[in-house]
All heavy atoms as atom14 arrays in JSON, in Angstrom:
{
  "sequence": "VWMRFLTMGYGFQPANTWLQDDPVILNGTMDLQGPNYCLAKTLQQWRC",
  "atom14_mask": [
    [1, 1, 1, 1, 1, 1, 1, 0, 0, 0, 0, 0, 0, 0],
    [1, 1, 1, 1, 1, 1, 1, 1, 1, 1, 1, 1, 1, 1],
    [1, 1, 1, 1, 1, 1, 1, 1, 0, 0, 0, 0, 0, 0],
    [1, 1, 1, 1, 1, 1, 1, 1, 1, 1, 1, 0, 0, 0],
    [1, 1, 1, 1, 1, 1, 1, 1, 1, 1, 1, 0, 0, 0],
    [1, 1, 1, 1, 1, 1, 1, 1, 0, 0, 0, 0, 0, 0],
    [1, 1, 1, 1, 1, 1, 1, 0, 0, 0, 0, 0, 0, 0],
    [1, 1, 1, 1, 1, 1, 1, 1, 0, 0, 0, 0, 0, 0],
    [1, 1, 1, 1, 0, 0, 0, 0, 0, 0, 0, 0, 0, 0],
    [1, 1, 1, 1, 1, 1, 1, 1, 1, 1, 1, 1, 0, 0],
    [1, 1, 1, 1, 0, 0, 0, 0, 0, 0, 0, 0, 0, 0],
    [1, 1, 1, 1, 1, 1, 1, 1, 1, 1, 1, 0, 0, 0],
    [1, 1, 1, 1, 1, 1, 1, 1, 1, 0, 0, 0, 0, 0],
    [1, 1, 1, 1, 1, 1, 1, 0, 0, 0, 0, 0, 0, 0],
    [1, 1, 1, 1, 1, 0, 0, 0, 0, 0, 0, 0, 0, 0],
    [1, 1, 1, 1, 1, 1, 1, 1, 0, 0, 0, 0, 0, 0],
    [1, 1, 1, 1, 1, 1, 1, 0, 0, 0, 0, 0, 0, 0],
    [1, 1, 1, 1, 1, 1, 1, 1, 1, 1, 1, 1, 1, 1],
    [1, 1, 1, 1, 1, 1, 1, 1, 0, 0, 0, 0, 0, 0],
    [1, 1, 1, 1, 1, 1, 1, 1, 1, 0, 0, 0, 0, 0],
    [1, 1, 1, 1, 1, 1, 1, 1, 0, 0, 0, 0, 0, 0],
    [1, 1, 1, 1, 1, 1, 1, 1, 0, 0, 0, 0, 0, 0],
    [1, 1, 1, 1, 1, 1, 1, 0, 0, 0, 0, 0, 0, 0],
    [1, 1, 1, 1, 1, 1, 1, 0, 0, 0, 0, 0, 0, 0],
    [1, 1, 1, 1, 1, 1, 1, 1, 0, 0, 0, 0, 0, 0],
    [1, 1, 1, 1, 1, 1, 1, 1, 0, 0, 0, 0, 0, 0],
    [1, 1, 1, 1, 1, 1, 1, 1, 0, 0, 0, 0, 0, 0],
    [1, 1, 1, 1, 0, 0, 0, 0, 0, 0, 0, 0, 0, 0],
    [1, 1, 1, 1, 1, 1, 1, 0, 0, 0, 0, 0, 0, 0],
    [1, 1, 1, 1, 1, 1, 1, 1, 0, 0, 0, 0, 0, 0],
    [1, 1, 1, 1, 1, 1, 1, 1, 0, 0, 0, 0, 0, 0],
    [1, 1, 1, 1, 1, 1, 1, 1, 0, 0, 0, 0, 0, 0],
    [1, 1, 1, 1, 1, 1, 1, 1, 1, 0, 0, 0, 0, 0],
    [1, 1, 1, 1, 0, 0, 0, 0, 0, 0, 0, 0, 0, 0],
    [1, 1, 1, 1, 1, 1, 1, 0, 0, 0, 0, 0, 0, 0],
    [1, 1, 1, 1, 1, 1, 1, 1, 0, 0, 0, 0, 0, 0],
    [1, 1, 1, 1, 1, 1, 1, 1, 1, 1, 1, 1, 0, 0],
    [1, 1, 1, 1, 1, 1, 0, 0, 0, 0, 0, 0, 0, 0],
    [1, 1, 1, 1, 1, 1, 1, 1, 0, 0, 0, 0, 0, 0],
    [1, 1, 1, 1, 1, 0, 0, 0, 0, 0, 0, 0, 0, 0],
    [1, 1, 1, 1, 1, 1, 1, 1, 1, 0, 0, 0, 0, 0],
    [1, 1, 1, 1, 1, 1, 1, 0, 0, 0, 0, 0, 0, 0],
    [1, 1, 1, 1, 1, 1, 1, 1, 0, 0, 0, 0, 0, 0],
    [1, 1, 1, 1, 1, 1, 1, 1, 1, 0, 0, 0, 0, 0],
    [1, 1, 1, 1, 1, 1, 1, 1, 1, 0, 0, 0, 0, 0],
    [1, 1, 1, 1, 1, 1, 1, 1, 1, 1, 1, 1, 1, 1],
    [1, 1, 1, 1, 1, 1, 1, 1, 1, 1, 1, 0, 0, 0],
    [1, 1, 1, 1, 1, 1, 0, 0, 0, 0, 0, 0, 0, 0]
  ],
  "atom14_positions": [
    [[8.51, -42.67, -44.55], [8.51, -41.91, -45.93], [7.62, -42.51, -46.9], [6.66, -41.76, -47.44], [9.94, -41.64, -46.32], [9.95, -41.02, -47.74], [10.87, -40.86, -45.4], [0.0, 0.0, 0.0], [0.0, 0.0, 0.0], [0.0, 0.0, 0.0], [0.0, 0.0, 0.0], [0.0, 0.0, 0.0], [0.0, 0.0, 0.0], [0.0, 0.0, 0.0]],
    [[7.56, -43.65, -47.07], [6.89, -44.45, -48.04], [5.42, -44.34, -47.63], [4.48, -44.25, -48.55], [7.5, -45.96, -48.16], [6.59, -46.79, -48.99], [5.94, -47.94, -48.69], [6.46, -46.74, -50.43], [5.34, -48.48, -49.89], [5.55, -47.63, -50.78], [6.8, -45.63, -51.35], [5.2, -47.95, -52.24], [6.49, -45.75, -52.67], [5.73, -46.99, -53.13]],
    [[5.09, -44.63, -46.33], [3.73, -44.65, -45.98], [3.07, -43.23, -45.99], [1.95, -43.18, -46.42], [3.61, -45.02, -44.41], [3.93, -46.5, -44.19], [2.73, -47.56, -45.04], [1.12, -47.15, -44.14], [0.0, 0.0, 0.0], [0.0, 0.0, 0.0], [0.0, 0.0, 0.0], [0.0, 0.0, 0.0], [0.0, 0.0, 0.0], [0.0, 0.0, 0.0]],
    [[3.77, -42.15, -45.76], [3.37, -40.78, -45.93], [3.05, -40.52, -47.43], [2.19, -39.83, -47.72], [4.31, -39.87, -45.33], [4.41, -39.86, -43.76], [5.19, -38.7, -43.21], [4.38, -37.45, -43.37], [4.81, -36.22, -43.2], [5.99, -36.14, -42.8], [4.0, -35.14, -43.44], [0.0, 0.0, 0.0], [0.0, 0.0, 0.0], [0.0, 0.0, 0.0]],
    [[3.87, -41.11, -48.28], [3.67, -40.84, -49.76], [2.42, -41.56, -50.22], [1.57, -40.92, -50.93], [4.81, -41.44, -50.46], [4.6, -41.47, -51.94], [4.88, -40.36, -52.74], [4.35, -42.66, -52.62], [4.53, -40.28, -54.12], [4.06, -42.66, -54.09], [4.22, -41.44, -54.67], [0.0, 0.0, 0.0], [0.0, 0.0, 0.0], [0.0, 0.0, 0.0]],
    [[2.17, -42.82, -49.71], [0.99, -43.46, -50.01], [-0.24, -42.73, -49.53], [-1.41, -42.84, -50.2], [0.94, -44.93, -49.49], [1.96, -45.75, -50.23], [1.93, -47.22, -49.36], [1.55, -46.04, -51.58], [0.0, 0.0, 0.0], [0.0, 0.0, 0.0], [0.0, 0.0, 0.0], [0.0, 0.0, 0.0], [0.0, 0.0, 0.0], [0.0, 0.0, 0.0]],
    [[-0.16, -42.07, -48.38], [-1.42, -41.39, -47.83], [-1.4, -39.89, -48.2], [-2.15, -39.17, -47.54], [-1.49, -41.66, -46.31], [-0.27, -41.15, -45.65], [-1.46, -43.1, -45.91], [0.0, 0.0, 0.0], [0.0, 0.0, 0.0], [0.0, 0.0, 0.0], [0.0, 0.0, 0.0], [0.0, 0.0, 0.0], [0.0, 0.0, 0.0], [0.0, 0.0, 0.0]],
    [[-0.64, -39.4, -49.19], [-0.5, -38.13, -49.49], [-0.2, -37.14, -48.4], [-0.67, -36.07, -48.26], [-1.86, -37.68, -50.1], [-2.02, -38.38, -51.64], [-3.34, -37.9, -52.48], [-4.74, -38.45, -51.44], [0.0, 0.0, 0.0], [0.0, 0.0, 0.0], [0.0, 0.0, 0.0], [0.0, 0.0, 0.0], [0.0, 0.0, 0.0], [0.0, 0.0, 0.0]],
    [[0.62, -37.6, -47.55], [1.06, -36.73, -46.36], [0.11, -36.67, -45.18], [0.47, -36.08, -44.2], [0.0, 0.0, 0.0], [0.0, 0.0, 0.0], [0.0, 0.0, 0.0], [0.0, 0.0, 0.0], [0.0, 0.0, 0.0], [0.0, 0.0, 0.0], [0.0, 0.0, 0.0], [0.0, 0.0, 0.0], [0.0, 0.0, 0.0], [0.0, 0.0, 0.0]],
    [[-1.02, -37.34, -45.31], [-2.14, -37.28, -44.13], [-1.79, -38.27, -43.17], [-2.29, -38.14, -41.98], [-3.46, -37.35, -44.69], [-4.0, -36.17, -45.41], [-3.88, -36.08, -46.83], [-4.43, -35.07, -44.71], [-4.44, -34.96, -47.49], [-4.86, -33.9, -45.38], [-4.77, -33.85, -46.79], [-5.16, -32.7, -47.39], [0.0, 0.0, 0.0], [0.0, 0.0, 0.0]],
    [[-1.2, -39.37, -43.4], [-1.02, -40.47, -42.48], [0.34, -40.57, -42.01], [1.22, -40.26, -42.65], [0.0, 0.0, 0.0], [0.0, 0.0, 0.0], [0.0, 0.0, 0.0], [0.0, 0.0, 0.0], [0.0, 0.0, 0.0], [0.0, 0.0, 0.0], [0.0, 0.0, 0.0], [0.0, 0.0, 0.0], [0.0, 0.0, 0.0], [0.0, 0.0, 0.0]],
    [[0.52, -41.32, -40.91], [1.8, -41.96, -40.49], [2.73, -40.76, -40.2], [3.94, -40.7, -40.61], [2.48, -42.89, -41.41], [3.16, -44.04, -40.7], [2.32, -44.87, -40.08], [4.59, -44.03, -40.8], [3.17, -45.94, -39.41], [5.2, -45.14, -40.18], [4.54, -46.11, -39.53], [0.0, 0.0, 0.0], [0.0, 0.0, 0.0], [0.0, 0.0, 0.0]],
    [[2.38, -39.69, -39.52], [3.14, -38.55, -39.13], [3.65, -38.86, -37.7], [2.88, -39.35, -36.92], [2.37, -37.23, -39.27], [1.88, -37.01, -40.73], [1.23, -35.65, -40.83], [1.78, -34.78, -40.2], [0.11, -35.57, -41.61], [0.0, 0.0, 0.0], [0.0, 0.0, 0.0], [0.0, 0.0, 0.0], [0.0, 0.0, 0.0], [0.0, 0.0, 0.0]],
    [[4.77, -38.28, -37.39], [5.32, -38.45, -36.03], [4.35, -37.7, -35.0], [3.85, -36.75, -35.31], [6.61, -37.85, -36.07], [6.64, -36.78, -37.17], [5.73, -37.52, -38.2], [0.0, 0.0, 0.0], [0.0, 0.0, 0.0], [0.0, 0.0, 0.0], [0.0, 0.0, 0.0], [0.0, 0.0, 0.0], [0.0, 0.0, 0.0], [0.0, 0.0, 0.0]],
    [[4.25, -38.2, -33.86], [3.45, -37.59, -32.79], [4.2, -36.27, -32.37], [5.41, -36.26, -32.26], [3.29, -38.57, -31.54], [0.0, 0.0, 0.0], [0.0, 0.0, 0.0], [0.0, 0.0, 0.0], [0.0, 0.0, 0.0], [0.0, 0.0, 0.0], [0.0, 0.0, 0.0], [0.0, 0.0, 0.0], [0.0, 0.0, 0.0], [0.0, 0.0, 0.0]],
    [[3.3, -35.33, -32.07], [3.97, -34.03, -31.58], [4.02, -34.07, -30.07], [3.23, -33.76, -29.34], [2.92, -32.89, -31.93], [3.4, -31.39, -31.69], [4.51, -31.32, -31.1], [2.77, -30.59, -32.03], [0.0, 0.0, 0.0], [0.0, 0.0, 0.0], [0.0, 0.0, 0.0], [0.0, 0.0, 0.0], [0.0, 0.0, 0.0], [0.0, 0.0, 0.0]],
    [[5.1, -34.64, -29.77], [5.42, -34.89, -28.26], [6.61, -33.98, -27.81], [7.56, -33.92, -28.64], [5.9, -36.32, -28.08], [4.93, -37.15, -28.65], [6.01, -36.72, -26.63], [0.0, 0.0, 0.0], [0.0, 0.0, 0.0], [0.0, 0.0, 0.0], [0.0, 0.0, 0.0], [0.0, 0.0, 0.0], [0.0, 0.0, 0.0], [0.0, 0.0, 0.0]],
    [[6.36, -33.39, -26.74], [7.26, -32.45, -26.13], [8.17, -33.12, -24.95], [7.93, -33.09, -23.86], [6.67, -31.2, -25.61], [5.81, -30.47, -26.63], [6.15, -30.42, -27.99], [4.56, -29.93, -26.42], [5.12, -29.68, -28.68], [4.18, -29.36, -27.78], [3.66, -29.75, -25.41], [2.92, -28.75, -27.97], [2.5, -29.05, -25.64], [2.12, -28.55, -26.94]],
    [[9.23, -33.89, -25.71], [10.0, -34.65, -24.64], [10.81, -33.92, -23.62], [11.22, -34.48, -22.58], [10.93, -35.53, -25.57], [10.38, -36.89, -25.99], [11.41, -37.57, -26.92], [10.31, -37.86, -24.76], [0.0, 0.0, 0.0], [0.0, 0.0, 0.0], [0.0, 0.0, 0.0], [0.0, 0.0, 0.0], [0.0, 0.0, 0.0], [0.0, 0.0, 0.0]],
    [[11.02, -32.57, -23.93], [11.91, -31.8, -23.17], [11.19, -31.37, -21.83], [11.73, -30.96, -20.83], [12.43, -30.55, -23.75], [11.34, -29.45, -24.04], [10.66, -29.68, -25.41], [10.77, -30.93, -26.02], [10.03, -28.86, -26.0], [0.0, 0.0, 0.0], [0.0, 0.0, 0.0], [0.0, 0.0, 0.0], [0.0, 0.0, 0.0], [0.0, 0.0, 0.0]],
    [[9.87, -31.56, -21.84], [9.03, -31.21, -20.67], [9.06, -32.33, -19.73], [9.25, -33.41, -19.83], [7.63, -30.89, -21.07], [7.53, -29.67, -21.96], [8.24, -28.73, -21.64], [6.69, -29.69, -22.82], [0.0, 0.0, 0.0], [0.0, 0.0, 0.0], [0.0, 0.0, 0.0], [0.0, 0.0, 0.0], [0.0, 0.0, 0.0], [0.0, 0.0, 0.0]],
    [[8.76, -31.95, -18.41], [8.56, -32.89, -17.28], [7.27, -32.55, -16.55], [7.19, -31.5, -15.77], [9.77, -32.93, -16.39], [9.7, -33.98, -15.39], [8.91, -34.98, -15.6], [10.41, -33.87, -14.37], [0.0, 0.0, 0.0], [0.0, 0.0, 0.0], [0.0, 0.0, 0.0], [0.0, 0.0, 0.0], [0.0, 0.0, 0.0], [0.0, 0.0, 0.0]],
    [[6.25, -33.21, -16.67], [6.11, -34.56, -17.41], [5.97, -34.31, -18.96], [5.86, -33.16, -19.37], [4.77, -35.2, -16.88], [4.06, -33.9, -16.64], [4.94, -32.87, -15.98], [0.0, 0.0, 0.0], [0.0, 0.0, 0.0], [0.0, 0.0, 0.0], [0.0, 0.0, 0.0], [0.0, 0.0, 0.0], [0.0, 0.0, 0.0], [0.0, 0.0, 0.0]],
    [[6.18, -35.51, -19.73], [6.17, -35.45, -21.02], [4.71, -34.99, -21.53], [3.68, -35.51, -21.15], [6.56, -36.76, -21.7], [6.5, -36.7, -23.31], [8.08, -37.15, -21.41], [0.0, 0.0, 0.0], [0.0, 0.0, 0.0], [0.0, 0.0, 0.0], [0.0, 0.0, 0.0], [0.0, 0.0, 0.0], [0.0, 0.0, 0.0], [0.0, 0.0, 0.0]],
    [[4.65, -34.2, -22.57], [3.29, -33.63, -22.99], [3.14, -34.13, -24.46], [3.92, -33.78, -25.28], [3.14, -32.16, -22.86], [3.29, -31.73, -21.42], [1.89, -31.6, -23.51], [3.46, -30.21, -21.22], [0.0, 0.0, 0.0], [0.0, 0.0, 0.0], [0.0, 0.0, 0.0], [0.0, 0.0, 0.0], [0.0, 0.0, 0.0], [0.0, 0.0, 0.0]],
    [[2.02, -34.72, -24.71], [1.69, -35.13, -26.15], [0.58, -34.25, -26.58], [-0.54, -34.04, -26.03], [1.19, -36.53, -26.15], [0.66, -37.03, -27.49], [1.78, -37.11, -28.5], [-0.09, -38.45, -27.39], [0.0, 0.0, 0.0], [0.0, 0.0, 0.0], [0.0, 0.0, 0.0], [0.0, 0.0, 0.0], [0.0, 0.0, 0.0], [0.0, 0.0, 0.0]],
    [[0.7, -33.58, -27.81], [-0.22, -32.77, -28.48], [-0.88, -33.59, -29.47], [-0.41, -33.8, -30.56], [0.42, -31.47, -29.09], [-0.56, -30.64, -29.94], [-1.78, -30.79, -29.68], [-0.08, -29.78, -30.69], [0.0, 0.0, 0.0], [0.0, 0.0, 0.0], [0.0, 0.0, 0.0], [0.0, 0.0, 0.0], [0.0, 0.0, 0.0], [0.0, 0.0, 0.0]],
    [[-2.12, -34.12, -29.01], [-2.82, -35.07, -29.99], [-3.95, -34.34, -30.75], [-4.79, -35.06, -31.32], [0.0, 0.0, 0.0], [0.0, 0.0, 0.0], [0.0, 0.0, 0.0], [0.0, 0.0, 0.0], [0.0, 0.0, 0.0], [0.0, 0.0, 0.0], [0.0, 0.0, 0.0], [0.0, 0.0, 0.0], [0.0, 0.0, 0.0], [0.0, 0.0, 0.0]],
    [[-4.04, -33.04, -30.63], [-5.14, -32.28, -31.38], [-5.06, -32.68, -32.87], [-3.95, -32.78, -33.39], [-5.03, -30.86, -31.23], [-3.76, -30.4, -31.57], [-5.37, -30.44, -29.77], [0.0, 0.0, 0.0], [0.0, 0.0, 0.0], [0.0, 0.0, 0.0], [0.0, 0.0, 0.0], [0.0, 0.0, 0.0], [0.0, 0.0, 0.0], [0.0, 0.0, 0.0]],
    [[-6.22, -32.79, -33.53], [-6.37, -33.11, -34.87], [-7.29, -32.21, -35.6], [-8.4, -31.96, -35.1], [-7.04, -34.64, -34.99], [-6.13, -35.7, -34.34], [-6.9, -37.21, -34.34], [-7.4, -37.49, -36.07], [0.0, 0.0, 0.0], [0.0, 0.0, 0.0], [0.0, 0.0, 0.0], [0.0, 0.0, 0.0], [0.0, 0.0, 0.0], [0.0, 0.0, 0.0]],
    [[-6.84, -31.74, -36.89], [-7.77, -30.91, -37.61], [-9.05, -31.75, -38.05], [-10.15, -31.05, -38.21], [-7.03, -30.54, -38.95], [-5.88, -29.62, -38.76], [-5.93, -28.96, -37.66], [-4.96, -29.49, -39.53], [0.0, 0.0, 0.0], [0.0, 0.0, 0.0], [0.0, 0.0, 0.0], [0.0, 0.0, 0.0], [0.0, 0.0, 0.0], [0.0, 0.0, 0.0]],
    [[-9.07, -33.01, -38.09], [-10.03, -33.81, -38.65], [-11.34, -33.74, -37.72], [-12.44, -33.63, -38.24], [-9.64, -35.3, -38.58], [-10.7, -36.3, -39.02], [-11.07, -36.18, -40.46], [-10.24, -37.77, -38.74], [0.0, 0.0, 0.0], [0.0, 0.0, 0.0], [0.0, 0.0, 0.0], [0.0, 0.0, 0.0], [0.0, 0.0, 0.0], [0.0, 0.0, 0.0]],
    [[-11.19, -33.5, -36.37], [-12.29, -33.31, -35.55], [-12.75, -31.95, -35.23], [-13.72, -31.66, -34.72], [-11.96, -34.24, -34.3], [-12.12, -35.81, -34.58], [-11.8, -36.61, -33.29], [-10.62, -36.51, -32.74], [-12.75, -37.27, -32.82], [0.0, 0.0, 0.0], [0.0, 0.0, 0.0], [0.0, 0.0, 0.0], [0.0, 0.0, 0.0], [0.0, 0.0, 0.0]],
    [[-11.83, -31.08, -35.58], [-12.12, -29.65, -35.36], [-12.09, -29.09, -33.93], [-11.93, -29.76, -33.05], [0.0, 0.0, 0.0], [0.0, 0.0, 0.0], [0.0, 0.0, 0.0], [0.0, 0.0, 0.0], [0.0, 0.0, 0.0], [0.0, 0.0, 0.0], [0.0, 0.0, 0.0], [0.0, 0.0, 0.0], [0.0, 0.0, 0.0], [0.0, 0.0, 0.0]],
    [[-12.14, -27.75, -33.87], [-11.82, -27.06, -32.6], [-12.98, -27.24, -31.56], [-12.81, -27.22, -30.44], [-11.77, -25.62, -33.01], [-12.59, -25.44, -34.31], [-12.29, -26.73, -35.04], [0.0, 0.0, 0.0], [0.0, 0.0, 0.0], [0.0, 0.0, 0.0], [0.0, 0.0, 0.0], [0.0, 0.0, 0.0], [0.0, 0.0, 0.0], [0.0, 0.0, 0.0]],
    [[-14.16, -27.43, -32.12], [-15.28, -27.66, -31.1], [-15.18, -29.03, -30.3], [-15.32, -29.01, -29.11], [-16.59, -27.74, -31.85], [-17.0, -26.31, -32.49], [-17.18, -25.38, -31.67], [-17.16, -26.18, -33.72], [0.0, 0.0, 0.0], [0.0, 0.0, 0.0], [0.0, 0.0, 0.0], [0.0, 0.0, 0.0], [0.0, 0.0, 0.0], [0.0, 0.0, 0.0]],
    [[-14.76, -29.93, -30.92], [-14.47, -31.26, -30.37], [-13.36, -31.07, -29.27], [-13.47, -31.58, -28.12], [-14.16, -32.31, -31.37], [-13.88, -33.77, -30.66], [-14.98, -34.52, -30.43], [-12.65, -34.04, -30.4], [-14.74, -35.79, -29.82], [-12.45, -35.36, -29.84], [-13.39, -36.21, -29.47], [-13.26, -37.34, -29.01], [0.0, 0.0, 0.0], [0.0, 0.0, 0.0]],
    [[-12.25, -30.45, -29.67], [-11.06, -30.37, -28.89], [-11.44, -29.47, -27.64], [-11.05, -29.87, -26.61], [-9.91, -29.71, -29.62], [-8.42, -29.48, -28.76], [0.0, 0.0, 0.0], [0.0, 0.0, 0.0], [0.0, 0.0, 0.0], [0.0, 0.0, 0.0], [0.0, 0.0, 0.0], [0.0, 0.0, 0.0], [0.0, 0.0, 0.0], [0.0, 0.0, 0.0]],
    [[-12.09, -28.41, -27.81], [-12.54, -27.52, -26.76], [-13.43, -28.33, -25.7], [-13.26, -28.22, -24.58], [-13.3, -26.32, -27.17], [-13.69, -25.41, -26.09], [-12.73, -24.89, -25.17], [-14.5, -24.18, -26.81], [0.0, 0.0, 0.0], [0.0, 0.0, 0.0], [0.0, 0.0, 0.0], [0.0, 0.0, 0.0], [0.0, 0.0, 0.0], [0.0, 0.0, 0.0]],
    [[-14.35, -28.99, -26.23], [-15.27, -29.82, -25.27], [-14.72, -30.74, -24.62], [-14.84, -30.93, -23.33], [-16.49, -30.38, -26.14], [0.0, 0.0, 0.0], [0.0, 0.0, 0.0], [0.0, 0.0, 0.0], [0.0, 0.0, 0.0], [0.0, 0.0, 0.0], [0.0, 0.0, 0.0], [0.0, 0.0, 0.0], [0.0, 0.0, 0.0], [0.0, 0.0, 0.0]],
    [[-13.74, -31.56, -25.19], [-13.17, -32.65, -24.39], [-12.04, -32.12, -23.45], [-11.93, -32.65, -22.39], [-12.33, -33.68, -25.36], [-13.32, -34.34, -26.38], [-14.41, -35.18, -25.63], [-13.96, -36.22, -24.79], [-15.0, -37.06, -24.24], [0.0, 0.0, 0.0], [0.0, 0.0, 0.0], [0.0, 0.0, 0.0], [0.0, 0.0, 0.0], [0.0, 0.0, 0.0]],
    [[-11.43, -31.02, -23.93], [-10.52, -30.33, -22.83], [-11.31, -29.84, -21.57], [-10.85, -29.93, -20.5], [-9.73, -29.17, -23.54], [-9.08, -29.62, -24.74], [-8.79, -28.55, -22.62], [0.0, 0.0, 0.0], [0.0, 0.0, 0.0], [0.0, 0.0, 0.0], [0.0, 0.0, 0.0], [0.0, 0.0, 0.0], [0.0, 0.0, 0.0], [0.0, 0.0, 0.0]],
    [[-12.55, -29.29, -21.82], [-13.3, -28.88, -20.81], [-13.53, -29.97, -19.86], [-13.6, -29.83, -18.56], [-14.62, -28.16, -21.22], [-14.56, -26.81, -21.71], [-15.86, -26.46, -22.56], [-14.32, -25.67, -20.79], [0.0, 0.0, 0.0], [0.0, 0.0, 0.0], [0.0, 0.0, 0.0], [0.0, 0.0, 0.0], [0.0, 0.0, 0.0], [0.0, 0.0, 0.0]],
    [[-13.84, -31.12, -20.3], [-14.25, -32.28, -19.63], [-12.91, -32.88, -18.76], [-12.98, -33.1, -17.57], [-14.73, -33.42, -20.48], [-16.03, -33.14, -21.01], [-16.53, -34.14, -21.86], [-15.94, -35.32, -22.12], [-17.69, -33.88, -22.59], [0.0, 0.0, 0.0], [0.0, 0.0, 0.0], [0.0, 0.0, 0.0], [0.0, 0.0, 0.0], [0.0, 0.0, 0.0]],
    [[-11.78, -32.69, -19.38], [-10.59, -33.14, -18.65], [-10.27, -32.12, -17.58], [-9.9, -32.66, -16.37], [-9.39, -33.04, -19.63], [-9.2, -34.31, -20.63], [-8.08, -34.14, -21.48], [-8.19, -34.41, -22.6], [-6.95, -33.9, -20.96], [0.0, 0.0, 0.0], [0.0, 0.0, 0.0], [0.0, 0.0, 0.0], [0.0, 0.0, 0.0], [0.0, 0.0, 0.0]],
    [[-10.37, -30.86, -17.72], [-10.25, -29.95, -16.67], [-11.15, -30.14, -15.56], [-10.84, -29.91, -14.34], [-10.29, -28.4, -17.2], [-8.95, -28.05, -17.75], [-8.53, -28.02, -19.04], [-7.9, -27.59, -17.08], [-7.28, -27.59, -19.12], [-6.81, -27.34, -17.88], [-7.69, -27.52, -15.55], [-5.59, -26.85, -17.49], [-6.43, -26.99, -15.22], [-5.28, -26.57, -16.1]],
    [[-12.47, -30.4, -15.75], [-13.44, -30.78, -14.78], [-13.02, -31.86, -13.81], [-13.11, -31.89, -12.7], [-14.82, -31.03, -15.35], [-15.93, -31.46, -14.28], [-16.1, -30.51, -13.26], [-16.31, -29.13, -13.62], [-16.16, -27.98, -12.85], [-15.58, -28.11, -11.83], [-16.47, -26.85, -13.43], [0.0, 0.0, 0.0], [0.0, 0.0, 0.0], [0.0, 0.0, 0.0]],
    [[-12.38, -32.87, -14.5], [-11.76, -34.07, -13.69], [-10.74, -33.62, -12.77], [-10.84, -33.93, -11.65], [-11.34, -35.06, -14.7], [-12.49, -36.17, -15.52], [0.0, 0.0, 0.0], [0.0, 0.0, 0.0], [0.0, 0.0, 0.0], [0.0, 0.0, 0.0], [0.0, 0.0, 0.0], [0.0, 0.0, 0.0], [0.0, 0.0, 0.0], [0.0, 0.0, 0.0]]
  ]
}
């Protein structure tokens, strides 16, 4: 709570993790890097 106050709500937020799933899924997408970055890196993961 204190850390989020110091960073005006931008920092130290809990990870968006879907623990109920098997396997566990982490949603690490960030507004900071934008949709183009997320789409490009996801394309690369799918190619793998």
